[in-house]
Amino acid sequence: MQAASSTLAVVGESGRRLQTHGLQTNGQVRVEAIRRIPGPKHPVFEEAAPAAWLYEILSPHGEETVVAGVPHALDDPLYRDSQRATKTGQAQFPSAGPKEARDR
C-alpha cells in the first residue's frame, strides 16, 4: 500500500531545516516541489519501496541524488512528527496556484 502523502523538508547548507511541505503522492507534484526550490538541489530520501521510482523522477532535477538507509529515524522526534502529520492527514499540501520560488 502506498502512502497518500509524504513530507518534503528543505535543509540549508548549515543543516538547519528551512521549510517543510506535505506533498501528495504524485510524481508531477514532487518534481514541481523540487523545481520550485531555488539554487542547487541534492534530493535525499529514505530507502523504501518507492526509492527506485523517486530516484528516476527526481535525479534529473538535482546535482546529486542520494537514497539513504535510515535505521535510526524512528528515534528522531522530527521524523515521528512528520509521519504522524502524514498519517493523520494534517500534512499541508501546496496550492494548485502559480508556482513561486521560495525564500531561503
Protein backbone atom coordinates (compact mmCIF):
# COMPACT_ATOMS: atom_id res chain seq x y z
CA MET A 1 0.00 0.00 0.00
CA GLN A 2 1.38 3.39 -0.95
CA ALA A 3 1.01 6.38 1.36
CA ALA A 4 -1.35 9.14 0.22
CA SER A 5 1.19 11.80 1.13
CA SER A 6 4.80 12.38 2.09
CA THR A 7 6.85 15.15 3.63
CA LEU A 8 9.47 17.25 1.84
CA ALA A 9 11.98 19.07 4.06
CA VAL A 10 14.26 21.76 2.65
CA VAL A 11 17.53 21.81 4.57
CA GLY A 12 20.16 24.54 4.17
CA GLU A 13 23.92 24.12 3.92
CA SER A 14 24.23 24.51 7.69
CA GLY A 15 21.89 21.55 8.24
CA ARG A 16 19.06 23.76 9.51
CA ARG A 17 15.56 22.88 8.31
CA LEU A 18 14.28 25.83 6.28
CA GLN A 19 10.90 24.56 5.09
CA THR A 20 8.63 21.55 5.41
CA HIS A 21 5.89 20.68 2.93
CA GLY A 22 3.31 17.89 2.82
CA LEU A 23 3.10 16.51 -0.71
CA GLN A 24 0.56 14.34 -2.43
CA THR A 25 1.96 11.04 -3.67
CA ASN A 26 2.15 12.08 -7.29
CA GLY A 27 5.28 12.28 -9.43
CA GLN A 28 4.46 15.63 -11.02
CA VAL A 29 3.72 17.22 -7.63
CA ARG A 30 7.08 16.02 -6.29
CA VAL A 31 9.01 17.20 -9.35
CA GLU A 32 7.35 20.64 -9.21
CA ALA A 33 8.12 20.94 -5.49
CA ILE A 34 11.82 20.22 -6.15
CA ARG A 35 11.92 22.60 -9.12
CA ARG A 36 10.49 25.46 -7.01
CA ILE A 37 13.42 25.31 -4.58
CA PRO A 38 15.97 27.94 -5.65
CA GLY A 39 19.62 27.05 -6.15
CA PRO A 40 21.35 23.68 -6.44
CA LYS A 41 19.35 20.75 -5.11
CA HIS A 42 20.56 17.50 -3.56
CA PRO A 43 17.50 15.24 -3.13
CA VAL A 44 17.90 12.67 -0.36
CA PHE A 45 15.22 10.16 0.54
CA GLU A 46 14.98 7.05 2.63
CA GLU A 47 15.42 3.60 1.22
CA ALA A 48 11.87 2.25 0.92
CA ALA A 49 9.55 0.66 -1.64
CA PRO A 50 9.26 3.78 -3.87
CA ALA A 51 13.02 4.56 -3.79
CA ALA A 52 13.75 3.47 -7.38
CA TRP A 53 10.76 5.45 -8.69
CA LEU A 54 11.73 8.55 -6.69
CA TYR A 55 15.31 8.31 -7.91
CA GLU A 56 14.12 8.05 -11.51
CA ILE A 57 11.84 11.10 -11.36
CA LEU A 58 13.91 13.36 -9.07
CA SER A 59 17.54 12.73 -10.10
CA PRO A 60 17.26 14.84 -13.30
CA HIS A 61 16.40 17.83 -11.07
CA GLY A 62 19.28 17.60 -8.61
CA GLU A 63 23.04 17.94 -8.57
CA GLU A 64 23.33 14.67 -6.65
CA THR A 65 20.53 12.32 -5.57
CA VAL A 66 21.01 10.01 -2.59
CA VAL A 67 18.98 7.05 -1.35
CA ALA A 68 19.82 6.63 2.33
CA GLY A 69 19.17 3.83 4.77
CA VAL A 70 17.67 5.39 7.92
CA PRO A 71 17.53 2.76 10.69
CA HIS A 72 17.60 5.39 13.45
CA ALA A 73 14.81 7.55 12.00
CA LEU A 74 12.16 6.11 14.31
CA ASP A 75 14.02 7.66 17.26
CA ASP A 76 14.05 11.13 15.67
CA PRO A 77 11.21 13.35 17.02
CA LEU A 78 11.08 15.37 13.78
CA TYR A 79 10.62 12.15 11.80
CA ARG A 80 7.90 10.92 14.16
CA ASP A 81 6.06 14.28 13.96
CA SER A 82 6.31 14.22 10.17
CA GLN A 83 4.96 10.67 10.00
CA ARG A 84 2.14 11.50 12.41
CA ALA A 85 1.10 14.53 10.33
CA THR A 86 1.18 12.48 7.14
CA LYS A 87 -0.84 9.58 8.60
CA THR A 88 -3.49 11.79 10.19
CA GLY A 89 -3.95 13.92 7.09
CA GLN A 90 -2.56 17.04 8.76
CA ALA A 91 0.31 17.45 6.28
CA GLN A 92 -0.05 20.71 4.37
CA PHE A 93 -0.41 20.41 0.59
CA PRO A 94 0.90 23.07 -1.80
CA SER A 95 -1.74 25.12 -3.56
CA ALA A 96 -2.57 24.41 -7.17
CA GLY A 97 -1.98 28.09 -7.98
CA PRO A 98 1.10 29.72 -9.54
CA LYS A 99 4.44 28.27 -8.52
CA GLU A 100 6.69 30.89 -6.94
CA ALA A 101 10.29 30.50 -5.80
CA ARG A 102 10.53 30.05 -2.05
CA ASP A 103 12.68 32.36 0.05
CA ARG A 104 15.71 30.75 1.66
